[in-house]
Amino acid sequence: MYRVEMERVTIAAATLGLALALGLPTVASAQAQQAAPARAERSTDFSAQERARPPRRLPIYPRDDGDGVIPRYDPGRNAVRDCSATYVQEYRPSGTVIVPRMNCFWRRG
């Protein structure tokens, strides 16, 4: 079986060599010749690029942080900001550390 396959490969190689020597067109060269005009047409076809719209410009407005107090809404007249500060443990790769934590909310004054 191996010998039969080797004979087929040898015959195919000899046929290809003969076709190249005689200048006969092969399947690979025929496909290359057909593909070449398509590439030339694509390189000169700019109609798709002309139809493309420019990107839309979005307006960007500066953010007014005010005094940095959250929430940014007006809590109303006589409002008081009530804060409580504590120390909490945080677990980090270097070890446990104690950090300050502050919680604030608005209440009626």
C-alpha atoms as a PDB file:
ATOM      1  CA  MET A   1       0.000   0.000   0.000  1.00  0.00           C
ATOM      2  CA  TYR A   2       2.843   2.397   0.833  1.00  0.00           C
ATOM      3  CA  ARG A   3       4.447   1.662  -2.525  1.00  0.00           C
ATOM      4  CA  VAL A   4       1.239   2.511  -4.409  1.00  0.00           C
ATOM      5  CA  GLU A   5       0.960   5.878  -2.657  1.00  0.00           C
ATOM      6  CA  MET A   6       4.591   6.703  -3.460  1.00  0.00           C
ATOM      7  CA  GLU A   7       3.994   5.906  -7.116  1.00  0.00           C
ATOM      8  CA  ARG A   8       0.989   8.263  -7.195  1.00  0.00           C
ATOM      9  CA  VAL A   9       2.998  11.077  -5.619  1.00  0.00           C
ATOM     10  CA  THR A  10       5.814  10.502  -8.099  1.00  0.00           C
ATOM     11  CA  ILE A  11       3.399  10.559 -11.057  1.00  0.00           C
ATOM     12  CA  ALA A  12       1.747  13.765  -9.801  1.00  0.00           C
ATOM     13  CA  ALA A  13       5.131  15.469  -9.355  1.00  0.00           C
ATOM     14  CA  ALA A  14       6.274  14.400 -12.811  1.00  0.00           C
ATOM     15  CA  THR A  15       3.033  15.696 -14.381  1.00  0.00           C
ATOM     16  CA  LEU A  16       3.383  19.036 -12.632  1.00  0.00           C
ATOM     17  CA  GLY A  17       7.012  19.336 -13.708  1.00  0.00           C
ATOM     18  CA  LEU A  18       6.104  18.569 -17.307  1.00  0.00           C
ATOM     19  CA  ALA A  19       3.280  21.127 -17.281  1.00  0.00           C
ATOM     20  CA  LEU A  20       5.604  23.801 -15.929  1.00  0.00           C
ATOM     21  CA  ALA A  21       8.301  22.930 -18.462  1.00  0.00           C
ATOM     22  CA  LEU A  22       5.863  23.185 -21.374  1.00  0.00           C
ATOM     23  CA  GLY A  23       4.353  26.423 -20.056  1.00  0.00           C
ATOM     24  CA  LEU A  24       0.874  24.981 -19.591  1.00  0.00           C
ATOM     25  CA  PRO A  25      -1.299  26.791 -17.055  1.00  0.00           C
ATOM     26  CA  THR A  26      -1.722  24.977 -13.776  1.00  0.00           C
ATOM     27  CA  VAL A  27      -4.627  25.165 -11.335  1.00  0.00           C
ATOM     28  CA  ALA A  28      -2.656  27.332  -8.880  1.00  0.00           C
ATOM     29  CA  SER A  29      -1.616  29.853 -11.529  1.00  0.00           C
ATOM     30  CA  ALA A  30      -5.163  30.001 -12.922  1.00  0.00           C
ATOM     31  CA  GLN A  31      -6.528  30.821  -9.472  1.00  0.00           C
ATOM     32  CA  ALA A  32      -3.845  33.470  -8.977  1.00  0.00           C
ATOM     33  CA  GLN A  33      -4.721  35.086 -12.317  1.00  0.00           C
ATOM     34  CA  GLN A  34      -8.405  35.196 -11.406  1.00  0.00           C
ATOM     35  CA  ALA A  35      -7.705  36.686  -7.963  1.00  0.00           C
ATOM     36  CA  ALA A  36      -5.385  39.448  -9.244  1.00  0.00           C
ATOM     37  CA  PRO A  37      -8.057  41.620 -10.966  1.00  0.00           C
ATOM     38  CA  ALA A  38     -10.298  41.416  -7.903  1.00  0.00           C
ATOM     39  CA  ARG A  39      -7.534  42.873  -5.729  1.00  0.00           C
ATOM     40  CA  ALA A  40      -6.963  45.698  -8.232  1.00  0.00           C
ATOM     41  CA  GLU A  41     -10.677  46.547  -8.227  1.00  0.00           C
ATOM     42  CA  ARG A  42     -10.798  46.617  -4.450  1.00  0.00           C
ATOM     43  CA  SER A  43      -7.820  48.958  -4.170  1.00  0.00           C
ATOM     44  CA  THR A  44      -9.407  51.562  -6.503  1.00  0.00           C
ATOM     45  CA  ASP A  45     -12.954  51.270  -5.110  1.00  0.00           C
ATOM     46  CA  PHE A  46     -13.330  54.169  -2.688  1.00  0.00           C
ATOM     47  CA  SER A  47     -17.138  54.357  -2.788  1.00  0.00           C
ATOM     48  CA  ALA A  48     -17.492  52.545   0.528  1.00  0.00           C
ATOM     49  CA  GLN A  49     -15.091  54.970   2.177  1.00  0.00           C
ATOM     50  CA  GLU A  50     -16.937  57.985   0.784  1.00  0.00           C
ATOM     51  CA  ARG A  51     -20.221  56.778   2.304  1.00  0.00           C
ATOM     52  CA  ALA A  52     -18.772  56.486   5.808  1.00  0.00           C
ATOM     53  CA  ARG A  53     -19.926  59.220   8.164  1.00  0.00           C
ATOM     54  CA  PRO A  54     -17.508  61.093  10.387  1.00  0.00           C
ATOM     55  CA  PRO A  55     -17.725  60.127  14.056  1.00  0.00           C
ATOM     56  CA  ARG A  56     -20.300  62.050  16.058  1.00  0.00           C
ATOM     57  CA  ARG A  57     -18.860  64.668  18.360  1.00  0.00           C
ATOM     58  CA  LEU A  58     -20.197  64.493  21.887  1.00  0.00           C
ATOM     59  CA  PRO A  59     -20.163  67.608  24.043  1.00  0.00           C
ATOM     60  CA  ILE A  60     -18.213  67.275  27.272  1.00  0.00           C
ATOM     61  CA  TYR A  61     -19.087  69.622  30.106  1.00  0.00           C
ATOM     62  CA  PRO A  62     -16.856  70.286  33.131  1.00  0.00           C
ATOM     63  CA  ARG A  63     -18.090  68.691  36.321  1.00  0.00           C
ATOM     64  CA  ASP A  64     -18.946  71.102  39.128  1.00  0.00           C
ATOM     65  CA  ASP A  65     -17.900  69.310  42.314  1.00  0.00           C
ATOM     66  CA  GLY A  66     -18.873  72.206  44.547  1.00  0.00           C
ATOM     67  CA  ASP A  67     -17.629  71.612  48.070  1.00  0.00           C
ATOM     68  CA  GLY A  68     -17.226  67.851  47.662  1.00  0.00           C
ATOM     69  CA  VAL A  69     -20.234  66.985  49.812  1.00  0.00           C
ATOM     70  CA  ILE A  70     -22.326  64.004  48.794  1.00  0.00           C
ATOM     71  CA  PRO A  71     -25.294  63.965  48.095  1.00  0.00           C
ATOM     72  CA  ARG A  72     -25.202  66.809  45.611  1.00  0.00           C
ATOM     73  CA  TYR A  73     -28.878  67.674  46.020  1.00  0.00           C
ATOM     74  CA  ASP A  74     -30.103  70.455  48.312  1.00  0.00           C
ATOM     75  CA  PRO A  75     -31.202  68.829  51.577  1.00  0.00           C
ATOM     76  CA  GLY A  76     -33.399  71.821  52.402  1.00  0.00           C
ATOM     77  CA  ARG A  77     -33.420  74.638  54.932  1.00  0.00           C
ATOM     78  CA  ASN A  78     -32.049  74.060  58.402  1.00  0.00           C
ATOM     79  CA  ALA A  79     -30.408  70.765  57.393  1.00  0.00           C
ATOM     80  CA  VAL A  80     -27.501  69.535  59.474  1.00  0.00           C
ATOM     81  CA  ARG A  81     -24.810  67.157  58.393  1.00  0.00           C
ATOM     82  CA  ASP A  82     -24.383  64.462  61.034  1.00  0.00           C
ATOM     83  CA  CYS A  83     -21.098  62.528  60.915  1.00  0.00           C
ATOM     84  CA  SER A  84     -19.701  59.664  62.956  1.00  0.00           C
ATOM     85  CA  ALA A  85     -16.033  58.697  62.779  1.00  0.00           C
ATOM     86  CA  THR A  86     -14.631  55.348  63.911  1.00  0.00           C
ATOM     87  CA  TYR A  87     -11.571  53.171  63.408  1.00  0.00           C
ATOM     88  CA  VAL A  88     -12.015  49.847  61.606  1.00  0.00           C
ATOM     89  CA  GLN A  89      -9.723  46.933  60.805  1.00  0.00           C
ATOM     90  CA  GLU A  90      -8.796  46.284  57.173  1.00  0.00           C
ATOM     91  CA  TYR A  91      -7.171  43.047  56.110  1.00  0.00           C
ATOM     92  CA  ARG A  92      -4.352  43.646  53.619  1.00  0.00           C
ATOM     93  CA  PRO A  93      -1.629  41.408  52.159  1.00  0.00           C
ATOM     94  CA  SER A  94       0.951  43.068  54.409  1.00  0.00           C
ATOM     95  CA  GLY A  95      -1.193  42.415  57.487  1.00  0.00           C
ATOM     96  CA  THR A  96      -4.157  43.813  59.377  1.00  0.00           C
ATOM     97  CA  VAL A  97      -4.208  47.604  59.748  1.00  0.00           C
ATOM     98  CA  ILE A  98      -6.518  50.040  61.552  1.00  0.00           C
ATOM     99  CA  VAL A  99      -7.854  52.906  59.402  1.00  0.00           C
ATOM    100  CA  PRO A 100     -10.252  55.799  60.090  1.00  0.00           C
ATOM    101  CA  ARG A 101     -13.734  55.568  58.558  1.00  0.00           C
ATOM    102  CA  MET A 102     -16.299  58.385  58.457  1.00  0.00           C
ATOM    103  CA  ASN A 103     -20.028  58.055  57.703  1.00  0.00           C
ATOM    104  CA  CYS A 104     -22.136  61.182  57.183  1.00  0.00           C
ATOM    105  CA  PHE A 105     -25.804  61.861  56.471  1.00  0.00           C
ATOM    106  CA  TRP A 106     -28.149  64.851  56.378  1.00  0.00           C
ATOM    107  CA  ARG A 107     -30.768  65.326  59.079  1.00  0.00           C
ATOM    108  CA  ARG A 108     -33.243  68.077  59.825  1.00  0.00           C
ATOM    109  CA  GLY A 109     -31.869  70.669  62.210  1.00  0.00           C
END
